[in-house]
Protein backbone atom coordinates (compact mmCIF):
# COMPACT_ATOMS: atom_id res chain seq x y z
CA MET A 1 1.58 9.75 76.43
CA THR A 2 2.97 7.68 73.96
CA ALA A 3 4.64 4.31 74.75
CA ILE A 4 7.79 3.93 72.36
CA PRO A 5 8.65 0.09 71.86
CA ILE A 6 12.22 -0.86 72.64
CA ARG A 7 14.05 -3.27 70.52
CA THR A 8 17.26 -4.77 70.64
CA GLU A 9 18.90 -7.01 67.91
CA PRO A 10 18.39 -9.72 67.62
CA ASP A 11 14.71 -9.20 68.89
CA ARG A 12 13.15 -12.56 69.29
CA TYR A 13 10.02 -11.21 71.53
CA PRO A 14 7.89 -10.35 68.62
CA ALA A 15 8.07 -14.47 67.43
CA ILE A 16 6.38 -15.22 70.78
CA GLY A 17 4.01 -12.52 71.02
CA ILE A 18 5.38 -10.01 73.37
CA SER A 19 7.34 -6.93 73.35
CA GLN A 20 11.32 -6.42 74.87
CA GLY A 21 9.76 -3.21 76.46
CA PHE A 22 8.46 0.22 76.25
CA ARG A 23 9.66 3.82 77.12
CA VAL A 24 6.90 5.81 78.60
CA GLY A 25 8.20 9.54 79.04
CA ASP A 26 10.88 9.30 81.14
CA VAL A 27 10.28 5.89 82.55
CA VAL A 28 11.47 2.40 81.09
CA TYR A 29 9.40 -1.39 81.36
CA ILE A 30 11.70 -3.97 80.35
CA SER A 31 9.85 -7.42 79.88
CA GLY A 32 11.57 -10.79 81.84
CA GLN A 33 14.83 -11.27 80.64
CA VAL A 34 16.23 -14.86 80.95
CA GLY A 35 19.66 -16.51 80.63
CA THR A 36 19.70 -16.82 76.91
CA ASP A 37 22.26 -15.99 74.35
CA ASP A 38 21.95 -13.83 70.81
CA ALA A 39 21.03 -17.09 69.34
CA GLY A 40 18.30 -18.32 72.18
CA ALA A 41 20.41 -20.93 73.68
CA ILE A 42 20.51 -21.16 77.46
CA VAL A 43 23.85 -20.01 78.79
CA GLY A 44 24.67 -23.03 81.08
CA PRO A 45 23.03 -25.18 83.05
CA ASP A 46 23.82 -23.17 86.02
CA PHE A 47 22.33 -20.38 88.00
CA THR A 48 25.30 -18.42 87.92
CA SER A 49 25.77 -18.56 84.63
CA GLN A 50 22.15 -18.04 83.53
CA ALA A 51 21.84 -14.79 85.95
CA HIS A 52 24.68 -13.17 84.70
CA GLN A 53 23.43 -13.55 81.13
CA VAL A 54 20.18 -12.12 82.78
CA PHE A 55 21.70 -9.01 84.04
CA ARG A 56 23.76 -8.74 80.37
CA ASN A 57 20.51 -8.91 78.51
CA LEU A 58 18.60 -6.53 81.03
CA ASP A 59 21.31 -4.12 80.61
CA ARG A 60 21.32 -4.25 76.89
CA ALA A 61 17.60 -3.60 76.87
CA LEU A 62 17.64 -0.87 79.36
CA ARG A 63 20.11 0.68 77.26
CA ALA A 64 18.10 0.53 73.99
CA GLY A 65 15.33 2.37 75.83
CA GLY A 66 17.74 5.18 76.93
CA SER A 67 18.56 4.10 80.85
CA ASP A 68 20.73 1.13 82.36
CA LEU A 69 21.06 -0.48 85.75
CA ALA A 70 22.11 2.25 87.29
CA HIS A 71 18.59 3.60 86.94
CA VAL A 72 16.45 0.92 87.66
CA PHE A 73 14.08 1.65 90.50
CA LYS A 74 12.09 -1.73 90.41
CA VAL A 75 12.60 -5.23 89.53
CA THR A 76 10.52 -8.24 89.77
CA VAL A 77 12.78 -11.76 90.20
CA TYR A 78 11.62 -14.88 89.16
CA VAL A 79 13.39 -18.29 90.23
CA THR A 80 12.63 -22.02 90.23
CA ASN A 81 14.28 -22.21 93.48
CA VAL A 82 14.61 -19.67 96.23
CA ALA A 83 16.10 -21.85 99.04
CA ASP A 84 18.82 -22.76 97.02
CA HIS A 85 19.77 -19.46 95.45
CA PHE A 86 18.90 -16.98 97.82
CA GLU A 87 21.91 -16.17 99.32
CA GLU A 88 23.56 -15.62 95.79
CA ILE A 89 20.31 -13.35 94.39
CA VAL A 90 21.27 -11.28 97.53
CA ALA A 91 24.99 -11.15 96.17
CA LEU A 92 23.71 -10.37 92.76
CA ARG A 93 21.65 -7.15 93.84
CA ARG A 94 24.84 -5.82 95.58
CA HIS A 95 27.01 -6.44 92.49
CA TYR A 96 24.66 -5.20 89.84
CA PHE A 97 23.13 -2.32 91.95
CA SER A 98 24.09 0.25 94.69
CA GLU A 99 22.19 2.01 97.14
CA PRO A 100 19.52 2.89 97.25
CA TYR A 101 18.45 -0.50 96.10
CA PRO A 102 15.91 -0.81 93.50
CA ALA A 103 12.54 -2.07 95.08
CA ASP A 104 12.46 -5.84 94.35
CA THR A 105 9.82 -8.53 94.46
CA LEU A 106 11.16 -12.20 94.57
CA VAL A 107 8.68 -15.09 93.51
CA GLU A 108 9.33 -18.57 93.45
CA VAL A 109 7.73 -20.30 90.20
CA ARG A 110 7.28 -23.87 89.69
CA ALA A 111 8.89 -23.01 86.19
CA LEU A 112 9.80 -20.38 83.52
CA ALA A 113 8.88 -20.09 80.00
CA ARG A 114 11.39 -22.92 78.82
CA PRO A 115 12.72 -26.28 80.50
CA GLY A 116 15.85 -25.44 81.93
CA LEU A 117 15.59 -21.85 82.85
CA LEU A 118 16.21 -20.81 86.51
CA ILE A 119 16.06 -17.20 86.76
CA GLU A 120 13.89 -14.60 84.93
CA ILE A 121 14.30 -10.46 85.70
CA GLU A 122 11.87 -7.76 84.82
CA ALA A 123 12.80 -4.18 85.33
CA MET A 124 11.62 -0.57 85.52
CA ALA A 125 14.19 2.25 85.41
CA THR A 126 14.18 6.07 84.76
CA VAL A 127 15.97 7.26 81.49
CA ARG A 128 19.23 8.48 81.85
């Protein structure tokens, strides 16, 4: 099977040596998305603003690969503080996904790629 690269505009990923994602057959694999805008600036210092931007970025990347949030079957969520944000993460899952909810791994990390980032999500989805 051929892995077809997924790109969105702007695509800042090649500058740091990674790909936005790939479509392989009927599955889309999306690299971790963070709470930055199109210019690469972190959206707000707060978790909520960043989290909603993460989902907007994730949906855009999924759509570029022929999918969307409704077709996500697996996510890995990285946060810098699970205890402070667990309830909000549960609420975000319910807001952006519906039953059957995607398989999910929640991981607390000491830091993300840039200072100030609080959440990152990578995903796998089927094609629409």
